Every structure is written in structure tokens, then in C-alpha cells.
Amino acid sequence: MTWLQQLRNWDYGLDGIIAWILNLMEFHIQRAGILGYLGIVVFIVGLGLAFPATRGVTSLIVSGVFRMFFTFIQNLLTLLTADLIKFVGQILLALFHRTRRWVVDLIGRTRRD
């Protein structure tokens, strides 16, 4: 019995509908590859935003995911900036010591005792 026949018989179990959606998702994943996953996520988010009862929860989940993503990016950029500043500092310190040795050698060569 298909899920449409179950609905016509006043059988409102979601097993048939869930199986149909899972089969549809599997088809699109096999057909489109990684873009199939993106399409499924967009479909699920759109389905959650379509109904007023689930709109608030869906918007909280989506905003939480975006907030976590941007926090991760911000932490990553902070660590990369700290490493870059450390690297530039080490280069400047090495150049300072090299210049100091060069000046000491230059003064030693030009001294007239």
C-alpha cells in the first residue's frame, strides 16, 4: 500500500512518507553527488521554514550553525594572525641582531688605534 492509499484510508502514519523522502534523497545523492547533500539541506530548511509551527526552531538552528561557523572562522583567523605576527617578529629580531653584528664589525674595521 502506498502512502497516498494510506492517506485515503485515514491511516496517517508517517512511515510511508518518511520512506518515500529517504528514497528520493538517496536518488538525488547518487545522481548529483555532493550537491545532492546541499539540496537536501536546503529542502529540509525550507520545509522547516514553511510551517509556522517549526519556523522558530528552524531559524534558531540555522542561525546557531551560522554563528558556530563564523566563530570558527574568527578563531582560525585570530590564530593565523598571531602566528604571522610571531613569524614577522622573529624575522625582525634576526635582522636586528644581524645588523648589530654588521655595525660592530664595521666599527672594528674602521677603528684607527
PDB file of N, CA and C in Angstrom:
ATOM      1  N   MET A   1       0.847  -1.170   0.000  1.00  0.00           N
ATOM      2  CA  MET A   1       0.000   0.000   0.000  1.00  0.00           C
ATOM      3  C   MET A   1       0.897   1.240   0.000  1.00  0.00           C
ATOM      4  N   THR A   2       0.648   2.161  -0.912  1.00  0.00           N
ATOM      5  CA  THR A   2       1.440   3.382  -1.000  1.00  0.00           C
ATOM      6  C   THR A   2       0.993   4.366   0.071  1.00  0.00           C
ATOM      7  N   TRP A   3       1.774   5.423   0.234  1.00  0.00           N
ATOM      8  CA  TRP A   3       1.430   6.392   1.272  1.00  0.00           C
ATOM      9  C   TRP A   3       0.197   7.195   0.897  1.00  0.00           C
ATOM     10  N   LEU A   4      -0.062   7.357  -0.409  1.00  0.00           N
ATOM     11  CA  LEU A   4      -1.299   8.030  -0.814  1.00  0.00           C
ATOM     12  C   LEU A   4      -2.521   7.190  -0.479  1.00  0.00           C
ATOM     13  N   GLN A   5      -2.409   5.879  -0.686  1.00  0.00           N
ATOM     14  CA  GLN A   5      -3.525   4.988  -0.329  1.00  0.00           C
ATOM     15  C   GLN A   5      -3.728   4.964   1.191  1.00  0.00           C
ATOM     16  N   GLN A   6      -2.647   5.050   1.949  1.00  0.00           N
ATOM     17  CA  GLN A   6      -2.787   5.102   3.402  1.00  0.00           C
ATOM     18  C   GLN A   6      -3.512   6.382   3.831  1.00  0.00           C
ATOM     19  N   LEU A   7      -3.219   7.502   3.155  1.00  0.00           N
ATOM     20  CA  LEU A   7      -3.910   8.749   3.485  1.00  0.00           C
ATOM     21  C   LEU A   7      -5.393   8.669   3.121  1.00  0.00           C
ATOM     22  N   ARG A   8      -5.681   8.013   1.992  1.00  0.00           N
ATOM     23  CA  ARG A   8      -7.088   7.875   1.584  1.00  0.00           C
ATOM     24  C   ARG A   8      -7.868   6.988   2.541  1.00  0.00           C
ATOM     25  N   ASN A   9      -7.162   6.070   3.185  1.00  0.00           N
ATOM     26  CA  ASN A   9      -7.799   5.171   4.156  1.00  0.00           C
ATOM     27  C   ASN A   9      -7.734   5.722   5.583  1.00  0.00           C
ATOM     28  N   TRP A  10      -7.414   6.976   5.729  1.00  0.00           N
ATOM     29  CA  TRP A  10      -7.334   7.658   7.013  1.00  0.00           C
ATOM     30  C   TRP A  10      -6.266   7.059   7.925  1.00  0.00           C
ATOM     31  N   ASP A  11      -5.242   6.515   7.330  1.00  0.00           N
ATOM     32  CA  ASP A  11      -4.111   5.981   8.091  1.00  0.00           C
ATOM     33  C   ASP A  11      -2.998   7.024   7.993  1.00  0.00           C
ATOM     34  N   TYR A  12      -2.819   7.800   9.046  1.00  0.00           N
ATOM     35  CA  TYR A  12      -1.883   8.925   8.999  1.00  0.00           C
ATOM     36  C   TYR A  12      -0.501   8.594   9.539  1.00  0.00           C
ATOM     37  N   GLY A  13      -0.084   7.359   9.439  1.00  0.00           N
ATOM     38  CA  GLY A  13       1.269   7.009   9.841  1.00  0.00           C
ATOM     39  C   GLY A  13       2.286   7.634   8.890  1.00  0.00           C
ATOM     40  N   LEU A  14       3.379   8.085   9.414  1.00  0.00           N
ATOM     41  CA  LEU A  14       4.387   8.762   8.607  1.00  0.00           C
ATOM     42  C   LEU A  14       5.447   7.816   8.059  1.00  0.00           C
ATOM     43  N   ASP A  15       5.308   6.526   8.288  1.00  0.00           N
ATOM     44  CA  ASP A  15       6.338   5.579   7.840  1.00  0.00           C
ATOM     45  C   ASP A  15       6.490   5.587   6.322  1.00  0.00           C
ATOM     46  N   GLY A  16       5.405   5.559   5.610  1.00  0.00           N
ATOM     47  CA  GLY A  16       5.471   5.553   4.150  1.00  0.00           C
ATOM     48  C   GLY A  16       6.036   6.844   3.592  1.00  0.00           C
ATOM     49  N   ILE A  17       5.645   7.964   4.190  1.00  0.00           N
ATOM     50  CA  ILE A  17       6.128   9.259   3.716  1.00  0.00           C
ATOM     51  C   ILE A  17       7.619   9.403   3.991  1.00  0.00           C
ATOM     52  N   ILE A  18       8.061   8.967   5.162  1.00  0.00           N
ATOM     53  CA  ILE A  18       9.481   9.049   5.502  1.00  0.00           C
ATOM     54  C   ILE A  18      10.297   8.147   4.580  1.00  0.00           C
ATOM     55  N   ALA A  19       9.787   6.945   4.299  1.00  0.00           N
ATOM     56  CA  ALA A  19      10.494   6.041   3.374  1.00  0.00           C
ATOM     57  C   ALA A  19      10.572   6.651   1.975  1.00  0.00           C
ATOM     58  N   TRP A  20       9.491   7.304   1.539  1.00  0.00           N
ATOM     59  CA  TRP A  20       9.486   7.947   0.225  1.00  0.00           C
ATOM     60  C   TRP A  20      10.508   9.081   0.170  1.00  0.00           C
ATOM     61  N   ILE A  21      10.548   9.903   1.220  1.00  0.00           N
ATOM     62  CA  ILE A  21      11.506  11.009   1.252  1.00  0.00           C
ATOM     63  C   ILE A  21      12.931  10.480   1.284  1.00  0.00           C
ATOM     64  N   LEU A  22      13.195   9.423   2.048  1.00  0.00           N
ATOM     65  CA  LEU A  22      14.540   8.846   2.112  1.00  0.00           C
ATOM     66  C   LEU A  22      14.957   8.264   0.757  1.00  0.00           C
ATOM     67  N   ASN A  23      14.030   7.607   0.075  1.00  0.00           N
ATOM     68  CA  ASN A  23      14.331   7.093  -1.268  1.00  0.00           C
ATOM     69  C   ASN A  23      14.622   8.238  -2.247  1.00  0.00           C
ATOM     70  N   LEU A  24      13.853   9.300  -2.153  1.00  0.00           N
ATOM     71  CA  LEU A  24      14.064  10.460  -3.006  1.00  0.00           C
ATOM     72  C   LEU A  24      15.417  11.113  -2.729  1.00  0.00           C
ATOM     73  N   MET A  25      15.776  11.226  -1.444  1.00  0.00           N
ATOM     74  CA  MET A  25      17.067  11.796  -1.080  1.00  0.00           C
ATOM     75  C   MET A  25      18.209  10.916  -1.576  1.00  0.00           C
ATOM     76  N   GLU A  26      18.082   9.621  -1.434  1.00  0.00           N
ATOM     77  CA  GLU A  26      19.124   8.705  -1.903  1.00  0.00           C
ATOM     78  C   GLU A  26      19.307   8.812  -3.418  1.00  0.00           C
ATOM     79  N   PHE A  27      18.199   8.942  -4.148  1.00  0.00           N
ATOM     80  CA  PHE A  27      18.276   9.105  -5.597  1.00  0.00           C
ATOM     81  C   PHE A  27      19.053  10.355  -5.968  1.00  0.00           C
ATOM     82  N   HIS A  28      18.728  11.476  -5.313  1.00  0.00           N
ATOM     83  CA  HIS A  28      19.390  12.735  -5.652  1.00  0.00           C
ATOM     84  C   HIS A  28      20.854  12.738  -5.229  1.00  0.00           C
ATOM     85  N   ILE A  29      21.181  12.065  -4.139  1.00  0.00           N
ATOM     86  CA  ILE A  29      22.582  11.989  -3.726  1.00  0.00           C
ATOM     87  C   ILE A  29      23.379  11.166  -4.728  1.00  0.00           C
ATOM     88  N   GLN A  30      22.817  10.058  -5.182  1.00  0.00           N
ATOM     89  CA  GLN A  30      23.521   9.234  -6.165  1.00  0.00           C
ATOM     90  C   GLN A  30      23.634   9.951  -7.509  1.00  0.00           C
ATOM     91  N   ARG A  31      22.649  10.749  -7.842  1.00  0.00           N
ATOM     92  CA  ARG A  31      22.625  11.433  -9.136  1.00  0.00           C
ATOM     93  C   ARG A  31      23.510  12.670  -9.148  1.00  0.00           C
ATOM     94  N   ALA A  32      23.478  13.470  -8.076  1.00  0.00           N
ATOM     95  CA  ALA A  32      24.160  14.759  -8.083  1.00  0.00           C
ATOM     96  C   ALA A  32      25.434  14.772  -7.244  1.00  0.00           C
ATOM     97  N   GLY A  33      25.670  13.771  -6.446  1.00  0.00           N
ATOM     98  CA  GLY A  33      26.879  13.742  -5.630  1.00  0.00           C
ATOM     99  C   GLY A  33      26.788  14.692  -4.459  1.00  0.00           C
ATOM    100  N   ILE A  34      27.851  15.462  -4.260  1.00  0.00           N
ATOM    101  CA  ILE A  34      27.927  16.352  -3.096  1.00  0.00           C
ATOM    102  C   ILE A  34      26.877  17.448  -3.150  1.00  0.00           C
ATOM    103  N   LEU A  35      26.480  17.864  -4.358  1.00  0.00           N
ATOM    104  CA  LEU A  35      25.431  18.881  -4.463  1.00  0.00           C
ATOM    105  C   LEU A  35      24.080  18.333  -4.018  1.00  0.00           C
ATOM    106  N   GLY A  36      23.925  17.010  -4.064  1.00  0.00           N
ATOM    107  CA  GLY A  36      22.698  16.402  -3.570  1.00  0.00           C
ATOM    108  C   GLY A  36      22.519  16.641  -2.077  1.00  0.00           C
ATOM    109  N   TYR A  37      23.627  16.565  -1.324  1.00  0.00           N
ATOM    110  CA  TYR A  37      23.552  16.841   0.115  1.00  0.00           C
ATOM    111  C   TYR A  37      23.150  18.284   0.370  1.00  0.00           C
ATOM    112  N   LEU A  38      23.713  19.193  -0.418  1.00  0.00           N
ATOM    113  CA  LEU A  38      23.358  20.596  -0.275  1.00  0.00           C
ATOM    114  C   LEU A  38      21.879  20.829  -0.594  1.00  0.00           C
ATOM    115  N   GLY A  39      21.399  20.175  -1.638  1.00  0.00           N
ATOM    116  CA  GLY A  39      19.980  20.288  -1.985  1.00  0.00           C
ATOM    117  C   GLY A  39      19.078  19.738  -0.895  1.00  0.00           C
ATOM    118  N   ILE A  40      19.499  18.638  -0.279  1.00  0.00           N
ATOM    119  CA  ILE A  40      18.689  18.054   0.797  1.00  0.00           C
ATOM    120  C   ILE A  40      18.648  18.986   1.999  1.00  0.00           C
ATOM    121  N   VAL A  41      19.782  19.590   2.335  1.00  0.00           N
ATOM    122  CA  VAL A  41      19.806  20.529   3.464  1.00  0.00           C
ATOM    123  C   VAL A  41      18.903  21.723   3.178  1.00  0.00           C
ATOM    124  N   VAL A  42      18.975  22.254   1.958  1.00  0.00           N
ATOM    125  CA  VAL A  42      18.119  23.386   1.593  1.00  0.00           C
ATOM    126  C   VAL A  42      16.647  22.971   1.642  1.00  0.00           C
ATOM    127  N   PHE A  43      16.344  21.758   1.187  1.00  0.00           N
ATOM    128  CA  PHE A  43      14.964  21.269   1.227  1.00  0.00           C
ATOM    129  C   PHE A  43      14.473  21.155   2.663  1.00  0.00           C
ATOM    130  N   ILE A  44      15.296  20.598   3.550  1.00  0.00           N
ATOM    131  CA  ILE A  44      14.871  20.421   4.940  1.00  0.00           C
ATOM    132  C   ILE A  44      14.704  21.770   5.629  1.00  0.00           C
ATOM    133  N   VAL A  45      15.629  22.707   5.378  1.00  0.00           N
ATOM    134  CA  VAL A  45      15.496  24.037   5.971  1.00  0.00           C
ATOM    135  C   VAL A  45      14.251  24.738   5.411  1.00  0.00           C
ATOM    136  N   GLY A  46      14.023  24.629   4.122  1.00  0.00           N
ATOM    137  CA  GLY A  46      12.823  25.225   3.524  1.00  0.00           C
ATOM    138  C   GLY A  46      11.553  24.619   4.066  1.00  0.00           C
ATOM    139  N   LEU A  47      11.565  23.299   4.275  1.00  0.00           N
ATOM    140  CA  LEU A  47      10.403  22.630   4.852  1.00  0.00           C
ATOM    141  C   LEU A  47      10.165  23.104   6.275  1.00  0.00           C
ATOM    142  N   GLY A  48      11.254  23.297   7.033  1.00  0.00           N
ATOM    143  CA  GLY A  48      11.111  23.792   8.407  1.00  0.00           C
ATOM    144  C   GLY A  48      10.629  25.226   8.460  1.00  0.00           C
ATOM    145  N   LEU A  49      11.026  26.039   7.489  1.00  0.00           N
ATOM    146  CA  LEU A  49      10.591  27.435   7.478  1.00  0.00           C
ATOM    147  C   LEU A  49       9.206  27.619   6.870  1.00  0.00           C
ATOM    148  N   ALA A  50       8.688  26.607   6.172  1.00  0.00           N
ATOM    149  CA  ALA A  50       7.393  26.737   5.504  1.00  0.00           C
ATOM    150  C   ALA A  50       6.230  26.721   6.478  1.00  0.00           C
ATOM    151  N   PHE A  51       6.383  26.023   7.582  1.00  0.00           N
ATOM    152  CA  PHE A  51       5.283  25.891   8.531  1.00  0.00           C
ATOM    153  C   PHE A  51       5.517  26.793   9.735  1.00  0.00           C
ATOM    154  N   PRO A  52       4.510  27.564  10.139  1.00  0.00           N
ATOM    155  CA  PRO A  52       4.686  28.493  11.263  1.00  0.00           C
ATOM    156  C   PRO A  52       5.072  27.783  12.566  1.00  0.00           C
ATOM    157  N   ALA A  53       4.645  26.551  12.743  1.00  0.00           N
ATOM    158  CA  ALA A  53       4.937  25.848  13.992  1.00  0.00           C
ATOM    159  C   ALA A  53       6.416  25.506  14.128  1.00  0.00           C
ATOM    160  N   THR A  54       7.107  25.291  13.028  1.00  0.00           N
ATOM    161  CA  THR A  54       8.516  24.912  13.085  1.00  0.00           C
ATOM    162  C   THR A  54       9.450  26.034  12.657  1.00  0.00           C
ATOM    163  N   ARG A  55       8.896  27.195  12.303  1.00  0.00           N
ATOM    164  CA  ARG A  55       9.718  28.291  11.798  1.00  0.00           C
ATOM    165  C   ARG A  55      10.700  28.807  12.842  1.00  0.00           C
ATOM    166  N   GLY A  56      10.276  28.957  14.079  1.00  0.00           N
ATOM    167  CA  GLY A  56      11.148  29.482  15.129  1.00  0.00           C
ATOM    168  C   GLY A  56      12.306  28.553  15.433  1.00  0.00           C
ATOM    169  N   VAL A  57      12.014  27.265  15.569  1.00  0.00           N
ATOM    170  CA  VAL A  57      13.066  26.291  15.873  1.00  0.00           C
ATOM    171  C   VAL A  57      14.049  26.194  14.712  1.00  0.00           C
ATOM    172  N   THR A  58      13.531  26.178  13.496  1.00  0.00           N
ATOM    173  CA  THR A  58      14.407  26.083  12.324  1.00  0.00           C
ATOM    174  C   THR A  58      15.303  27.309  12.211  1.00  0.00           C
ATOM    175  N   SER A  59      14.751  28.486  12.434  1.00  0.00           N
ATOM    176  CA  SER A  59      15.572  29.697  12.352  1.00  0.00           C
ATOM    177  C   SER A  59      16.623  29.716  13.459  1.00  0.00           C
ATOM    178  N   LEU A  60      16.299  29.207  14.648  1.00  0.00           N
ATOM    179  CA  LEU A  60      17.299  29.123  15.716  1.00  0.00           C
ATOM    180  C   LEU A  60      18.423  28.159  15.354  1.00  0.00           C
ATOM    181  N   ILE A  61      18.078  27.031  14.759  1.00  0.00           N
ATOM    182  CA  ILE A  61      19.092  26.048  14.380  1.00  0.00           C
ATOM    183  C   ILE A  61      19.988  26.607  13.283  1.00  0.00           C
ATOM    184  N   VAL A  62      19.380  27.223  12.273  1.00  0.00           N
ATOM    185  CA  VAL A  62      20.169  27.773  11.166  1.00  0.00           C
ATOM    186  C   VAL A  62      21.071  28.902  11.655  1.00  0.00           C
ATOM    187  N   SER A  63      20.539  29.810  12.479  1.00  0.00           N
ATOM    188  CA  SER A  63      21.372  30.906  12.981  1.00  0.00           C
ATOM    189  C   SER A  63      22.466  30.378  13.900  1.00  0.00           C
ATOM    190  N   GLY A  64      22.195  29.327  14.668  1.00  0.00           N
ATOM    191  CA  GLY A  64      23.226  28.724  15.512  1.00  0.00           C
ATOM    192  C   GLY A  64      24.342  28.103  14.697  1.00  0.00           C
ATOM    193  N   VAL A  65      23.975  27.444  13.595  1.00  0.00           N
ATOM    194  CA  VAL A  65      25.002  26.850  12.728  1.00  0.00           C
ATOM    195  C   VAL A  65      25.859  27.940  12.095  1.00  0.00           C
ATOM    196  N   PHE A  66      25.228  29.007  11.605  1.00  0.00           N
ATOM    197  CA  PHE A  66      25.996  30.111  11.024  1.00  0.00           C
ATOM    198  C   PHE A  66      26.881  30.778  12.070  1.00  0.00           C
ATOM    199  N   ARG A  67      26.363  30.937  13.289  1.00  0.00           N
ATOM    200  CA  ARG A  67      27.152  31.555  14.347  1.00  0.00           C
ATOM    201  C   ARG A  67      28.364  30.694  14.686  1.00  0.00           C
ATOM    202  N   MET A  68      28.185  29.366  14.759  1.00  0.00           N
ATOM    203  CA  MET A  68      29.319  28.480  15.027  1.00  0.00           C
ATOM    204  C   MET A  68      30.338  28.535  13.897  1.00  0.00           C
ATOM    205  N   PHE A  69      29.867  28.572  12.652  1.00  0.00           N
ATOM    206  CA  PHE A  69      30.771  28.641  11.501  1.00  0.00           C
ATOM    207  C   PHE A  69      31.603  29.917  11.533  1.00  0.00           C
ATOM    208  N   PHE A  70      30.957  31.063  11.767  1.00  0.00           N
ATOM    209  CA  PHE A  70      31.685  32.327  11.777  1.00  0.00           C
ATOM    210  C   PHE A  70      32.594  32.442  13.000  1.00  0.00           C
ATOM    211  N   THR A  71      32.213  31.849  14.130  1.00  0.00           N
ATOM    212  CA  THR A  71      33.098  31.822  15.296  1.00  0.00           C
ATOM    213  C   THR A  71      34.336  30.992  14.997  1.00  0.00           C
ATOM    214  N   PHE A  72      34.164  29.866  14.306  1.00  0.00           N
ATOM    215  CA  PHE A  72      35.306  29.042  13.913  1.00  0.00           C
ATOM    216  C   PHE A  72      36.241  29.818  13.001  1.00  0.00           C
ATOM    217  N   ILE A  73      35.681  30.506  12.010  1.00  0.00           N
ATOM    218  CA  ILE A  73      36.492  31.299  11.082  1.00  0.00           C
ATOM    219  C   ILE A  73      37.224  32.408  11.837  1.00  0.00           C
ATOM    220  N   GLN A  74      36.541  33.054  12.774  1.00  0.00           N
ATOM    221  CA  GLN A  74      37.161  34.127  13.546  1.00  0.00           C
ATOM    222  C   GLN A  74      38.308  33.584  14.396  1.00  0.00           C
ATOM    223  N   ASN A  75      38.124  32.445  15.048  1.00  0.00           N
ATOM    224  CA  ASN A  75      39.196  31.839  15.838  1.00  0.00           C
ATOM    225  C   ASN A  75      40.369  31.425  14.961  1.00  0.00           C
ATOM    226  N   LEU A  76      40.070  30.872  13.797  1.00  0.00           N
ATOM    227  CA  LEU A  76      41.127  30.466  12.876  1.00  0.00           C
ATOM    228  C   LEU A  76      41.937  31.676  12.412  1.00  0.00           C
ATOM    229  N   LEU A  77      41.272  32.747  12.041  1.00  0.00           N
ATOM    230  CA  LEU A  77      41.975  33.947  11.603  1.00  0.00           C
ATOM    231  C   LEU A  77      42.773  34.580  12.743  1.00  0.00           C
ATOM    232  N   THR A  78      42.255  34.502  13.961  1.00  0.00           N
ATOM    233  CA  THR A  78      42.998  35.020  15.105  1.00  0.00           C
ATOM    234  C   THR A  78      44.291  34.242  15.316  1.00  0.00           C
ATOM    235  N   LEU A  79      44.212  32.919  15.239  1.00  0.00           N
ATOM    236  CA  LEU A  79      45.413  32.105  15.416  1.00  0.00           C
ATOM    237  C   LEU A  79      46.410  32.319  14.278  1.00  0.00           C
ATOM    238  N   LEU A  80      45.908  32.424  13.051  1.00  0.00           N
ATOM    239  CA  LEU A  80      46.803  32.681  11.929  1.00  0.00           C
ATOM    240  C   LEU A  80      47.471  34.052  12.037  1.00  0.00           C
ATOM    241  N   THR A  81      46.731  35.057  12.508  1.00  0.00           N
ATOM    242  CA  THR A  81      47.304  36.383  12.683  1.00  0.00           C
ATOM    243  C   THR A  81      48.377  36.364  13.773  1.00  0.00           C
ATOM    244  N   ALA A  82      48.114  35.657  14.874  1.00  0.00           N
ATOM    245  CA  ALA A  82      49.111  35.558  15.941  1.00  0.00           C
ATOM    246  C   ALA A  82      50.373  34.861  15.432  1.00  0.00           C
ATOM    247  N   ASP A  83      50.222  33.795  14.666  1.00  0.00           N
ATOM    248  CA  ASP A  83      51.389  33.104  14.106  1.00  0.00           C
ATOM    249  C   ASP A  83      52.141  33.998  13.122  1.00  0.00           C
ATOM    250  N   LEU A  84      51.421  34.766  12.324  1.00  0.00           N
ATOM    251  CA  LEU A  84      52.066  35.671  11.376  1.00  0.00           C
ATOM    252  C   LEU A  84      52.850  36.759  12.104  1.00  0.00           C
ATOM    253  N   ILE A  85      52.275  37.327  13.161  1.00  0.00           N
ATOM    254  CA  ILE A  85      52.974  38.353  13.937  1.00  0.00           C
ATOM    255  C   ILE A  85      54.207  37.759  14.613  1.00  0.00           C
ATOM    256  N   LYS A  86      54.092  36.536  15.112  1.00  0.00           N
ATOM    257  CA  LYS A  86      55.250  35.864  15.714  1.00  0.00           C
ATOM    258  C   LYS A  86      56.349  35.653  14.674  1.00  0.00           C
ATOM    259  N   PHE A  87      55.990  35.225  13.474  1.00  0.00           N
ATOM    260  CA  PHE A  87      56.961  34.997  12.407  1.00  0.00           C
ATOM    261  C   PHE A  87      57.653  36.295  12.005  1.00  0.00           C
ATOM    262  N   VAL A  88      56.879  37.363  11.825  1.00  0.00           N
ATOM    263  CA  VAL A  88      57.458  38.656  11.458  1.00  0.00           C
ATOM    264  C   VAL A  88      58.358  39.164  12.584  1.00  0.00           C
ATOM    265  N   GLY A  89      57.971  38.972  13.826  1.00  0.00           N
ATOM    266  CA  GLY A  89      58.801  39.371  14.960  1.00  0.00           C
ATOM    267  C   GLY A  89      60.123  38.624  14.991  1.00  0.00           C
ATOM    268  N   GLN A  90      60.089  37.334  14.705  1.00  0.00           N
ATOM    269  CA  GLN A  90      61.332  36.557  14.672  1.00  0.00           C
ATOM    270  C   GLN A  90      62.245  37.031  13.552  1.00  0.00           C
ATOM    271  N   ILE A  91      61.680  37.346  12.403  1.00  0.00           N
ATOM    272  CA  ILE A  91      62.490  37.850  11.292  1.00  0.00           C
ATOM    273  C   ILE A  91      63.098  39.208  11.654  1.00  0.00           C
ATOM    274  N   LEU A  92      62.289  40.098  12.246  1.00  0.00           N
ATOM    275  CA  LEU A  92      62.814  41.410  12.640  1.00  0.00           C
ATOM    276  C   LEU A  92      63.896  41.283  13.705  1.00  0.00           C
ATOM    277  N   LEU A  93      63.729  40.367  14.649  1.00  0.00           N
ATOM    278  CA  LEU A  93      64.750  40.152  15.673  1.00  0.00           C
ATOM    279  C   LEU A  93      66.040  39.614  15.053  1.00  0.00           C
ATOM    280  N   ALA A  94      65.908  38.674  14.109  1.00  0.00           N
ATOM    281  CA  ALA A  94      67.090  38.146  13.425  1.00  0.00           C
ATOM    282  C   ALA A  94      67.784  39.250  12.621  1.00  0.00           C
ATOM    283  N   LEU A  95      67.014  40.092  11.934  1.00  0.00           N
ATOM    284  CA  LEU A  95      67.612  41.196  11.181  1.00  0.00           C
ATOM    285  C   LEU A  95      68.281  42.209  12.104  1.00  0.00           C
ATOM    286  N   PHE A  96      67.686  42.461  13.270  1.00  0.00           N
ATOM    287  CA  PHE A  96      68.286  43.378  14.237  1.00  0.00           C
ATOM    288  C   PHE A  96      69.637  42.850  14.698  1.00  0.00           C
ATOM    289  N   HIS A  97      69.710  41.567  15.058  1.00  0.00           N
ATOM    290  CA  HIS A  97      70.973  41.009  15.528  1.00  0.00           C
ATOM    291  C   HIS A  97      72.009  40.966  14.398  1.00  0.00           C
ATOM    292  N   ARG A  98      71.577  40.666  13.187  1.00  0.00           N
ATOM    293  CA  ARG A  98      72.498  40.658  12.049  1.00  0.00           C
ATOM    294  C   ARG A  98      73.037  42.078  11.795  1.00  0.00           C
ATOM    295  N   THR A  99      72.159  43.071  11.873  1.00  0.00           N
ATOM    296  CA  THR A  99      72.595  44.458  11.692  1.00  0.00           C
ATOM    297  C   THR A  99      73.527  44.887  12.816  1.00  0.00           C
ATOM    298  N   ARG A 100      73.231  44.475  14.035  1.00  0.00           N
ATOM    299  CA  ARG A 100      74.090  44.807  15.169  1.00  0.00           C
ATOM    300  C   ARG A 100      75.486  44.235  14.981  1.00  0.00           C
ATOM    301  N   ARG A 101      75.582  42.966  14.547  1.00  0.00           N
ATOM    302  CA  ARG A 101      76.890  42.358  14.285  1.00  0.00           C
ATOM    303  C   ARG A 101      77.605  43.074  13.130  1.00  0.00           C
ATOM    304  N   TRP A 102      76.845  43.475  12.110  1.00  0.00           N
ATOM    305  CA  TRP A 102      77.439  44.170  10.965  1.00  0.00           C
ATOM    306  C   TRP A 102      78.009  45.519  11.402  1.00  0.00           C
ATOM    307  N   VAL A 103      77.274  46.247  12.254  1.00  0.00           N
ATOM    308  CA  VAL A 103      77.740  47.547  12.733  1.00  0.00           C
ATOM    309  C   VAL A 103      78.975  47.375  13.609  1.00  0.00           C
ATOM    310  N   VAL A 104      78.987  46.354  14.476  1.00  0.00           N
ATOM    311  CA  VAL A 104      80.157  46.099  15.323  1.00  0.00           C
ATOM    312  C   VAL A 104      81.359  45.751  14.449  1.00  0.00           C
ATOM    313  N   ASP A 105      81.199  44.930  13.432  1.00  0.00           N
ATOM    314  CA  ASP A 105      82.305  44.597  12.519  1.00  0.00           C
ATOM    315  C   ASP A 105      82.772  45.830  11.752  1.00  0.00           C
ATOM    316  N   LEU A 106      81.837  46.664  11.322  1.00  0.00           N
ATOM    317  CA  LEU A 106      82.189  47.868  10.584  1.00  0.00           C
ATOM    318  C   LEU A 106      82.980  48.836  11.461  1.00  0.00           C
ATOM    319  N   ILE A 107      82.534  48.993  12.685  1.00  0.00           N
ATOM    320  CA  ILE A 107      83.256  49.870  13.611  1.00  0.00           C
ATOM    321  C   ILE A 107      84.630  49.293  13.917  1.00  0.00           C
ATOM    322  N   GLY A 108      84.711  47.960  14.054  1.00  0.00           N
ATOM    323  CA  GLY A 108      86.001  47.313  14.320  1.00  0.00           C
ATOM    324  C   GLY A 108      86.964  47.473  13.161  1.00  0.00           C
ATOM    325  N   ARG A 109      86.515  47.472  11.944  1.00  0.00           N
ATOM    326  CA  ARG A 109      87.380  47.624  10.775  1.00  0.00           C
ATOM    327  C   ARG A 109      87.805  49.066  10.540  1.00  0.00           C
ATOM    328  N   THR A 110      86.996  50.010  10.952  1.00  0.00           N
ATOM    329  CA  THR A 110      87.321  51.409  10.669  1.00  0.00           C
ATOM    330  C   THR A 110      88.032  52.075  11.830  1.00  0.00           C
ATOM    331  N   ARG A 111      88.262  51.395  12.902  1.00  0.00           N
ATOM    332  CA  ARG A 111      88.922  51.969  14.054  1.00  0.00           C
ATOM    333  C   ARG A 111      90.409  52.165  13.768  1.00  0.00           C
ATOM    334  N   ARG A 112      90.962  53.331  14.162  1.00  0.00           N
ATOM    335  CA  ARG A 112      92.371  53.617  13.961  1.00  0.00           C
ATOM    336  C   ARG A 112      93.043  53.764  15.323  1.00  0.00           C
ATOM    337  N   ASP A 113      93.634  52.701  15.742  1.00  0.00           N
ATOM    338  CA  ASP A 113      94.295  52.748  17.054  1.00  0.00           C
ATOM    339  C   ASP A 113      95.698  53.202  16.946  1.00  0.00           C
TER     340      ASP A 113
END
